[in-house]
């Protein structure tokens, strides 16, 4: 199962999912805005997107990951808009 969302607000923390006997592990990944890139300070990142296409491509990528790595469930959120240092852009 692939669940994908594109949102404007802060990405909520993910509580541990209910236990599945077929799953041997659970992994949570947060892609955060870092404070430096090649020695240059970063204040924020500003993500824009093409509505309709972005959702479709994120879903497609999620489905490819499920198949390639035998994943049972993928819940992916990508944030848009201005995201300050330290906040998550992807979960």
PDB file of N, CA and C in Angstrom:
ATOM      1  N   UNK A   1       0.837  -1.170   0.000  1.00  0.00           N
ATOM      2  CA  UNK A   1       0.000   0.000   0.000  1.00  0.00           C
ATOM      3  C   UNK A   1       0.890   1.243   0.000  1.00  0.00           C
ATOM      4  N   UNK A   2       0.576   2.189  -0.869  1.00  0.00           N
ATOM      5  CA  UNK A   2       1.300   3.452  -0.952  1.00  0.00           C
ATOM      6  C   UNK A   2       0.341   4.588  -0.606  1.00  0.00           C
ATOM      7  N   UNK A   3       0.742   5.403   0.361  1.00  0.00           N
ATOM      8  CA  UNK A   3      -0.017   6.596   0.725  1.00  0.00           C
ATOM      9  C   UNK A   3       0.914   7.778   0.491  1.00  0.00           C
ATOM     10  N   UNK A   4       0.515   8.720  -0.357  1.00  0.00           N
ATOM     11  CA  UNK A   4       1.339   9.896  -0.623  1.00  0.00           C
ATOM     12  C   UNK A   4       0.499  11.151  -0.454  1.00  0.00           C
ATOM     13  N   UNK A   5       1.153  12.199   0.054  1.00  0.00           N
ATOM     14  CA  UNK A   5       0.485  13.487   0.234  1.00  0.00           C
ATOM     15  C   UNK A   5       1.469  14.613  -0.016  1.00  0.00           C
ATOM     16  N   UNK A   6       0.965  15.711  -0.525  1.00  0.00           N
ATOM     17  CA  UNK A   6       1.740  16.937  -0.656  1.00  0.00           C
ATOM     18  C   UNK A   6       0.996  17.976   0.168  1.00  0.00           C
ATOM     19  N   UNK A   7       1.718  18.589   1.131  1.00  0.00           N
ATOM     20  CA  UNK A   7       1.062  19.501   2.073  1.00  0.00           C
ATOM     21  C   UNK A   7       1.822  20.817   2.183  1.00  0.00           C
ATOM     22  N   UNK A   8       1.157  21.847   2.723  1.00  0.00           N
ATOM     23  CA  UNK A   8       1.774  23.162   2.926  1.00  0.00           C
ATOM     24  C   UNK A   8       2.218  23.378   4.368  1.00  0.00           C
ATOM     25  N   UNK A   9       1.621  22.674   5.303  1.00  0.00           N
ATOM     26  CA  UNK A   9       1.920  22.864   6.725  1.00  0.00           C
ATOM     27  C   UNK A   9       3.072  21.973   7.169  1.00  0.00           C
ATOM     28  N   UNK A  10       3.476  22.143   8.433  1.00  0.00           N
ATOM     29  CA  UNK A  10       4.526  21.291   8.994  1.00  0.00           C
ATOM     30  C   UNK A  10       4.142  19.826   8.873  1.00  0.00           C
ATOM     31  N   UNK A  11       5.139  18.993   8.623  1.00  0.00           N
ATOM     32  CA  UNK A  11       4.917  17.552   8.529  1.00  0.00           C
ATOM     33  C   UNK A  11       4.775  17.000   9.946  1.00  0.00           C
ATOM     34  N   UNK A  12       3.684  16.322  10.233  1.00  0.00           N
ATOM     35  CA  UNK A  12       3.487  15.793  11.586  1.00  0.00           C
ATOM     36  C   UNK A  12       4.424  14.623  11.881  1.00  0.00           C
ATOM     37  N   UNK A  13       4.744  14.457  13.151  1.00  0.00           N
ATOM     38  CA  UNK A  13       5.537  13.299  13.565  1.00  0.00           C
ATOM     39  C   UNK A  13       4.725  12.045  13.299  1.00  0.00           C
ATOM     40  N   UNK A  14       5.411  10.976  13.005  1.00  0.00           N
ATOM     41  CA  UNK A  14       4.750   9.714  12.689  1.00  0.00           C
ATOM     42  C   UNK A  14       4.839   8.789  13.886  1.00  0.00           C
ATOM     43  N   UNK A  15       3.702   8.434  14.418  1.00  0.00           N
ATOM     44  CA  UNK A  15       3.663   7.446  15.499  1.00  0.00           C
ATOM     45  C   UNK A  15       3.907   6.075  14.894  1.00  0.00           C
ATOM     46  N   UNK A  16       4.414   5.174  15.682  1.00  0.00           N
ATOM     47  CA  UNK A  16       4.646   3.817  15.200  1.00  0.00           C
ATOM     48  C   UNK A  16       3.327   3.208  14.747  1.00  0.00           C
ATOM     49  N   UNK A  17       3.371   2.589  13.577  1.00  0.00           N
ATOM     50  CA  UNK A  17       2.167   1.942  13.048  1.00  0.00           C
ATOM     51  C   UNK A  17       1.847   0.690  13.842  1.00  0.00           C
ATOM     52  N   UNK A  18       0.627   0.258  13.697  1.00  0.00           N
ATOM     53  CA  UNK A  18       0.229  -0.983  14.339  1.00  0.00           C
ATOM     54  C   UNK A  18       1.148  -2.101  13.845  1.00  0.00           C
ATOM     55  N   UNK A  19       1.380  -3.043  14.673  1.00  0.00           N
ATOM     56  CA  UNK A  19       2.295  -4.139  14.356  1.00  0.00           C
ATOM     57  C   UNK A  19       1.674  -5.081  13.329  1.00  0.00           C
ATOM     58  N   UNK A  20       2.472  -5.442  12.361  1.00  0.00           N
ATOM     59  CA  UNK A  20       2.067  -6.435  11.367  1.00  0.00           C
ATOM     60  C   UNK A  20       2.992  -7.635  11.507  1.00  0.00           C
ATOM     61  N   UNK A  21       2.447  -8.811  11.566  1.00  0.00           N
ATOM     62  CA  UNK A  21       3.279  -9.999  11.742  1.00  0.00           C
ATOM     63  C   UNK A  21       4.130 -10.291  10.517  1.00  0.00           C
ATOM     64  N   UNK A  22       3.780  -9.761   9.367  1.00  0.00           N
ATOM     65  CA  UNK A  22       4.584 -10.009   8.165  1.00  0.00           C
ATOM     66  C   UNK A  22       5.751  -9.030   8.037  1.00  0.00           C
ATOM     67  N   UNK A  23       5.742  -7.953   8.827  1.00  0.00           N
ATOM     68  CA  UNK A  23       6.814  -6.957   8.769  1.00  0.00           C
ATOM     69  C   UNK A  23       7.865  -7.238   9.829  1.00  0.00           C
ATOM     70  N   UNK A  24       9.116  -7.268   9.416  1.00  0.00           N
ATOM     71  CA  UNK A  24      10.202  -7.502  10.355  1.00  0.00           C
ATOM     72  C   UNK A  24      10.821  -6.220  10.869  1.00  0.00           C
ATOM     73  N   UNK A  25      10.431  -5.078  10.281  1.00  0.00           N
ATOM     74  CA  UNK A  25      11.022  -3.804  10.697  1.00  0.00           C
ATOM     75  C   UNK A  25      10.123  -2.654  10.278  1.00  0.00           C
ATOM     76  N   UNK A  26      10.388  -1.516  10.902  1.00  0.00           N
ATOM     77  CA  UNK A  26       9.707  -0.276  10.545  1.00  0.00           C
ATOM     78  C   UNK A  26      10.772   0.807  10.474  1.00  0.00           C
ATOM     79  N   UNK A  27      10.769   1.577   9.410  1.00  0.00           N
ATOM     80  CA  UNK A  27      11.763   2.624   9.211  1.00  0.00           C
ATOM     81  C   UNK A  27      11.053   3.952   9.016  1.00  0.00           C
ATOM     82  N   UNK A  28      11.523   4.974   9.718  1.00  0.00           N
ATOM     83  CA  UNK A  28      10.999   6.323   9.538  1.00  0.00           C
ATOM     84  C   UNK A  28      12.143   7.214   9.082  1.00  0.00           C
ATOM     85  N   UNK A  29      11.906   7.969   8.014  1.00  0.00           N
ATOM     86  CA  UNK A  29      12.919   8.861   7.451  1.00  0.00           C
ATOM     87  C   UNK A  29      12.340  10.262   7.355  1.00  0.00           C
ATOM     88  N   UNK A  30      13.102  11.230   7.829  1.00  0.00           N
ATOM     89  CA  UNK A  30      12.728  12.633   7.698  1.00  0.00           C
ATOM     90  C   UNK A  30      13.844  13.351   6.947  1.00  0.00           C
ATOM     91  N   UNK A  31      13.513  13.982   5.833  1.00  0.00           N
ATOM     92  CA  UNK A  31      14.471  14.812   5.103  1.00  0.00           C
ATOM     93  C   UNK A  31      14.296  16.246   5.571  1.00  0.00           C
ATOM     94  N   UNK A  32      15.292  16.768   6.290  1.00  0.00           N
ATOM     95  CA  UNK A  32      15.191  18.105   6.881  1.00  0.00           C
ATOM     96  C   UNK A  32      16.047  19.117   6.125  1.00  0.00           C
ATOM     97  N   UNK A  33      15.682  20.370   6.237  1.00  0.00           N
ATOM     98  CA  UNK A  33      16.465  21.458   5.657  1.00  0.00           C
ATOM     99  C   UNK A  33      17.677  21.674   6.553  1.00  0.00           C
ATOM    100  N   UNK A  34      18.857  21.529   5.971  1.00  0.00           N
ATOM    101  CA  UNK A  34      20.084  21.719   6.765  1.00  0.00           C
ATOM    102  C   UNK A  34      20.512  23.186   6.729  1.00  0.00           C
ATOM    103  N   UNK A  35      21.437  23.536   7.619  1.00  0.00           N
ATOM    104  CA  UNK A  35      21.827  24.939   7.757  1.00  0.00           C
ATOM    105  C   UNK A  35      22.943  25.389   6.816  1.00  0.00           C
ATOM    106  N   UNK A  36      23.687  24.442   6.217  1.00  0.00           N
ATOM    107  CA  UNK A  36      24.804  24.803   5.332  1.00  0.00           C
ATOM    108  C   UNK A  36      24.833  23.892   4.107  1.00  0.00           C
ATOM    109  N   UNK A  37      25.265  24.447   2.975  1.00  0.00           N
ATOM    110  CA  UNK A  37      25.488  23.680   1.752  1.00  0.00           C
ATOM    111  C   UNK A  37      26.748  24.233   1.111  1.00  0.00           C
ATOM    112  N   UNK A  38      27.787  23.385   1.001  1.00  0.00           N
ATOM    113  CA  UNK A  38      29.080  23.799   0.434  1.00  0.00           C
ATOM    114  C   UNK A  38      29.628  25.054   1.115  1.00  0.00           C
ATOM    115  N   UNK A  39      29.499  25.105   2.443  1.00  0.00           N
ATOM    116  CA  UNK A  39      30.016  26.225   3.216  1.00  0.00           C
ATOM    117  C   UNK A  39      29.152  27.475   3.190  1.00  0.00           C
ATOM    118  N   UNK A  40      28.035  27.424   2.497  1.00  0.00           N
ATOM    119  CA  UNK A  40      27.139  28.577   2.396  1.00  0.00           C
ATOM    120  C   UNK A  40      25.924  28.375   3.308  1.00  0.00           C
ATOM    121  N   UNK A  41      25.571  29.391   4.080  1.00  0.00           N
ATOM    122  CA  UNK A  41      24.412  29.249   4.967  1.00  0.00           C
ATOM    123  C   UNK A  41      23.102  29.156   4.179  1.00  0.00           C
ATOM    124  N   UNK A  42      22.192  28.377   4.717  1.00  0.00           N
ATOM    125  CA  UNK A  42      20.854  28.243   4.146  1.00  0.00           C
ATOM    126  C   UNK A  42      19.869  28.806   5.159  1.00  0.00           C
ATOM    127  N   UNK A  43      18.950  29.608   4.716  1.00  0.00           N
ATOM    128  CA  UNK A  43      17.918  30.167   5.587  1.00  0.00           C
ATOM    129  C   UNK A  43      16.666  29.305   5.510  1.00  0.00           C
ATOM    130  N   UNK A  44      16.322  28.897   4.294  1.00  0.00           N
ATOM    131  CA  UNK A  44      15.123  28.084   4.066  1.00  0.00           C
ATOM    132  C   UNK A  44      15.176  27.538   2.644  1.00  0.00           C
ATOM    133  N   UNK A  45      14.337  26.561   2.361  1.00  0.00           N
ATOM    134  CA  UNK A  45      14.112  26.084   0.998  1.00  0.00           C
ATOM    135  C   UNK A  45      12.679  26.433   0.638  1.00  0.00           C
ATOM    136  N   UNK A  46      12.453  26.744  -0.619  1.00  0.00           N
ATOM    137  CA  UNK A  46      11.110  27.085  -1.081  1.00  0.00           C
ATOM    138  C   UNK A  46      10.731  26.130  -2.207  1.00  0.00           C
ATOM    139  N   UNK A  47       9.815  25.212  -1.913  1.00  0.00           N
ATOM    140  CA  UNK A  47       9.375  24.207  -2.884  1.00  0.00           C
ATOM    141  C   UNK A  47       8.087  24.652  -3.566  1.00  0.00           C
ATOM    142  N   UNK A  48       8.108  24.623  -4.894  1.00  0.00           N
ATOM    143  CA  UNK A  48       6.905  24.823  -5.697  1.00  0.00           C
ATOM    144  C   UNK A  48       6.575  23.486  -6.333  1.00  0.00           C
ATOM    145  N   UNK A  49       5.347  23.343  -6.828  1.00  0.00           N
ATOM    146  CA  UNK A  49       5.007  22.088  -7.491  1.00  0.00           C
ATOM    147  C   UNK A  49       3.938  22.295  -8.539  1.00  0.00           C
ATOM    148  N   UNK A  50       3.873  21.346  -9.438  1.00  0.00           N
ATOM    149  CA  UNK A  50       2.883  21.344 -10.514  1.00  0.00           C
ATOM    150  C   UNK A  50       1.766  20.410 -10.082  1.00  0.00           C
ATOM    151  N   UNK A  51       0.661  20.993  -9.638  1.00  0.00           N
ATOM    152  CA  UNK A  51      -0.458  20.208  -9.100  1.00  0.00           C
ATOM    153  C   UNK A  51      -0.951  19.186 -10.126  1.00  0.00           C
ATOM    154  N   UNK A  52      -1.209  18.007  -9.647  1.00  0.00           N
ATOM    155  CA  UNK A  52      -1.663  16.913 -10.510  1.00  0.00           C
ATOM    156  C   UNK A  52      -0.503  16.037 -10.942  1.00  0.00           C
ATOM    157  N   UNK A  53       0.507  16.638 -11.546  1.00  0.00           N
ATOM    158  CA  UNK A  53       1.670  15.877 -11.982  1.00  0.00           C
ATOM    159  C   UNK A  53       2.519  15.440 -10.786  1.00  0.00           C
ATOM    160  N   UNK A  54       2.726  16.330  -9.830  1.00  0.00           N
ATOM    161  CA  UNK A  54       3.571  16.007  -8.675  1.00  0.00           C
ATOM    162  C   UNK A  54       2.989  14.844  -7.878  1.00  0.00           C
ATOM    163  N   UNK A  55       1.693  14.863  -7.633  1.00  0.00           N
ATOM    164  CA  UNK A  55       1.049  13.777  -6.889  1.00  0.00           C
ATOM    165  C   UNK A  55       1.183  12.452  -7.635  1.00  0.00           C
ATOM    166  N   UNK A  56       0.972  12.512  -8.933  1.00  0.00           N
ATOM    167  CA  UNK A  56       1.061  11.313  -9.770  1.00  0.00           C
ATOM    168  C   UNK A  56       2.474  10.730  -9.743  1.00  0.00           C
ATOM    169  N   UNK A  57       3.491  11.584  -9.864  1.00  0.00           N
ATOM    170  CA  UNK A  57       4.878  11.119  -9.871  1.00  0.00           C
ATOM    171  C   UNK A  57       5.312  10.598  -8.505  1.00  0.00           C
ATOM    172  N   UNK A  58       4.861  11.235  -7.429  1.00  0.00           N
ATOM    173  CA  UNK A  58       5.189  10.760  -6.084  1.00  0.00           C
ATOM    174  C   UNK A  58       4.567   9.389  -5.843  1.00  0.00           C
ATOM    175  N   UNK A  59       3.339   9.198  -6.273  1.00  0.00           N
ATOM    176  CA  UNK A  59       2.668   7.903  -6.155  1.00  0.00           C
ATOM    177  C   UNK A  59       3.409   6.843  -6.970  1.00  0.00           C
ATOM    178  N   UNK A  60       3.797   7.185  -8.188  1.00  0.00           N
ATOM    179  CA  UNK A  60       4.522   6.260  -9.067  1.00  0.00           C
ATOM    180  C   UNK A  60       5.854   5.847  -8.431  1.00  0.00           C
ATOM    181  N   UNK A  61       6.580   6.811  -7.889  1.00  0.00           N
ATOM    182  CA  UNK A  61       7.849   6.523  -7.222  1.00  0.00           C
ATOM    183  C   UNK A  61       7.634   5.598  -6.032  1.00  0.00           C
ATOM    184  N   UNK A  62       6.605   5.851  -5.242  1.00  0.00           N
ATOM    185  CA  UNK A  62       6.289   4.995  -4.100  1.00  0.00           C
ATOM    186  C   UNK A  62       5.990   3.571  -4.518  1.00  0.00           C
ATOM    187  N   UNK A  63       5.225   3.405  -5.582  1.00  0.00           N
ATOM    188  CA  UNK A  63       4.893   2.065  -6.072  1.00  0.00           C
ATOM    189  C   UNK A  63       6.130   1.329  -6.582  1.00  0.00           C
ATOM    190  N   UNK A  64       7.039   2.061  -7.238  1.00  0.00           N
ATOM    191  CA  UNK A  64       8.294   1.456  -7.696  1.00  0.00           C
ATOM    192  C   UNK A  64       9.137   0.984  -6.512  1.00  0.00           C
ATOM    193  N   UNK A  65       9.183   1.774  -5.442  1.00  0.00           N
ATOM    194  CA  UNK A  65       9.941   1.393  -4.246  1.00  0.00           C
ATOM    195  C   UNK A  65       9.359   0.152  -3.589  1.00  0.00           C
ATOM    196  N   UNK A  66       8.037   0.081  -3.500  1.00  0.00           N
ATOM    197  CA  UNK A  66       7.389  -1.098  -2.920  1.00  0.00           C
ATOM    198  C   UNK A  66       7.782  -2.357  -3.667  1.00  0.00           C
ATOM    199  N   UNK A  67       7.740  -2.287  -4.980  1.00  0.00           N
ATOM    200  CA  UNK A  67       8.060  -3.455  -5.800  1.00  0.00           C
ATOM    201  C   UNK A  67       9.543  -3.815  -5.721  1.00  0.00           C
ATOM    202  N   UNK A  68      10.406  -2.818  -5.843  1.00  0.00           N
ATOM    203  CA  UNK A  68      11.852  -3.071  -5.879  1.00  0.00           C
ATOM    204  C   UNK A  68      12.382  -3.626  -4.560  1.00  0.00           C
ATOM    205  N   UNK A  69      11.862  -3.138  -3.445  1.00  0.00           N
ATOM    206  CA  UNK A  69      12.412  -3.509  -2.144  1.00  0.00           C
ATOM    207  C   UNK A  69      11.480  -4.369  -1.295  1.00  0.00           C
ATOM    208  N   UNK A  70      10.428  -4.900  -1.869  1.00  0.00           N
ATOM    209  CA  UNK A  70       9.471  -5.761  -1.154  1.00  0.00           C
ATOM    210  C   UNK A  70       8.952  -5.101   0.122  1.00  0.00           C
ATOM    211  N   UNK A  71       8.555  -3.853   0.000  1.00  0.00           N
ATOM    212  CA  UNK A  71       8.001  -3.097   1.120  1.00  0.00           C
ATOM    213  C   UNK A  71       6.499  -3.337   1.165  1.00  0.00           C
ATOM    214  N   UNK A  72       5.936  -3.497   2.351  1.00  0.00           N
ATOM    215  CA  UNK A  72       4.499  -3.726   2.488  1.00  0.00           C
ATOM    216  C   UNK A  72       3.688  -2.433   2.496  1.00  0.00           C
ATOM    217  N   UNK A  73       4.242  -1.370   3.103  1.00  0.00           N
ATOM    218  CA  UNK A  73       3.501  -0.114   3.205  1.00  0.00           C
ATOM    219  C   UNK A  73       4.468   1.059   3.165  1.00  0.00           C
ATOM    220  N   UNK A  74       4.091   2.095   2.433  1.00  0.00           N
ATOM    221  CA  UNK A  74       4.893   3.313   2.339  1.00  0.00           C
ATOM    222  C   UNK A  74       3.968   4.507   2.533  1.00  0.00           C
ATOM    223  N   UNK A  75       4.296   5.357   3.495  1.00  0.00           N
ATOM    224  CA  UNK A  75       3.521   6.569   3.773  1.00  0.00           C
ATOM    225  C   UNK A  75       4.461   7.748   3.566  1.00  0.00           C
ATOM    226  N   UNK A  76       4.293   8.476   2.473  1.00  0.00           N
ATOM    227  CA  UNK A  76       5.217   9.545   2.097  1.00  0.00           C
ATOM    228  C   UNK A  76       4.499  10.887   2.041  1.00  0.00           C
ATOM    229  N   UNK A  77       5.078  11.880   2.721  1.00  0.00           N
ATOM    230  CA  UNK A  77       4.555  13.247   2.689  1.00  0.00           C
ATOM    231  C   UNK A  77       5.669  14.157   2.200  1.00  0.00           C
ATOM    232  N   UNK A  78       5.359  15.005   1.220  1.00  0.00           N
ATOM    233  CA  UNK A  78       6.312  16.020   0.765  1.00  0.00           C
ATOM    234  C   UNK A  78       5.682  17.381   1.015  1.00  0.00           C
ATOM    235  N   UNK A  79       6.460  18.254   1.598  1.00  0.00           N
ATOM    236  CA  UNK A  79       5.964  19.579   1.940  1.00  0.00           C
ATOM    237  C   UNK A  79       6.298  20.570   0.830  1.00  0.00           C
ATOM    238  N   UNK A  80       5.437  21.547   0.622  1.00  0.00           N
ATOM    239  CA  UNK A  80       5.691  22.606  -0.348  1.00  0.00           C
ATOM    240  C   UNK A  80       5.680  23.948   0.370  1.00  0.00           C
ATOM    241  N   UNK A  81       6.171  24.970  -0.316  1.00  0.00           N
ATOM    242  CA  UNK A  81       6.248  26.299   0.274  1.00  0.00           C
ATOM    243  C   UNK A  81       7.612  26.528   0.907  1.00  0.00           C
ATOM    244  N   UNK A  82       7.711  27.581   1.688  1.00  0.00           N
ATOM    245  CA  UNK A  82       8.971  27.952   2.339  1.00  0.00           C
ATOM    246  C   UNK A  82       9.158  27.130   3.610  1.00  0.00           C
ATOM    247  N   UNK A  83      10.281  26.409   3.669  1.00  0.00           N
ATOM    248  CA  UNK A  83      10.562  25.519   4.798  1.00  0.00           C
ATOM    249  C   UNK A  83      11.870  25.967   5.451  1.00  0.00           C
ATOM    250  N   UNK A  84      11.829  26.415   6.698  1.00  0.00           N
ATOM    251  CA  UNK A  84      13.034  26.899   7.365  1.00  0.00           C
ATOM    252  C   UNK A  84      13.982  25.772   7.782  1.00  0.00           C
ATOM    253  N   UNK A  85      15.199  26.166   8.066  1.00  0.00           N
ATOM    254  CA  UNK A  85      16.230  25.237   8.538  1.00  0.00           C
ATOM    255  C   UNK A  85      15.706  24.445   9.731  1.00  0.00           C
ATOM    256  N   UNK A  86      15.983  23.148   9.716  1.00  0.00           N
ATOM    257  CA  UNK A  86      15.611  22.271  10.820  1.00  0.00           C
ATOM    258  C   UNK A  86      14.263  21.605  10.665  1.00  0.00           C
ATOM    259  N   UNK A  87      13.411  22.116   9.789  1.00  0.00           N
ATOM    260  CA  UNK A  87      12.094  21.509   9.597  1.00  0.00           C
ATOM    261  C   UNK A  87      12.137  20.484   8.468  1.00  0.00           C
ATOM    262  N   UNK A  88      11.244  19.514   8.542  1.00  0.00           N
ATOM    263  CA  UNK A  88      11.197  18.432   7.557  1.00  0.00           C
ATOM    264  C   UNK A  88      10.515  18.886   6.270  1.00  0.00           C
ATOM    265  N   UNK A  89      11.121  18.495   5.150  1.00  0.00           N
ATOM    266  CA  UNK A  89      10.540  18.726   3.827  1.00  0.00           C
ATOM    267  C   UNK A  89       9.925  17.439   3.292  1.00  0.00           C
ATOM    268  N   UNK A  90      10.359  16.321   3.857  1.00  0.00           N
ATOM    269  CA  UNK A  90       9.926  15.007   3.376  1.00  0.00           C
ATOM    270  C   UNK A  90       9.860  14.037   4.539  1.00  0.00           C
ATOM    271  N   UNK A  91       8.810  13.217   4.532  1.00  0.00           N
ATOM    272  CA  UNK A  91       8.721  12.116   5.487  1.00  0.00           C
ATOM    273  C   UNK A  91       8.154  10.942   4.746  1.00  0.00           C
TER     274      UNK A  91
END
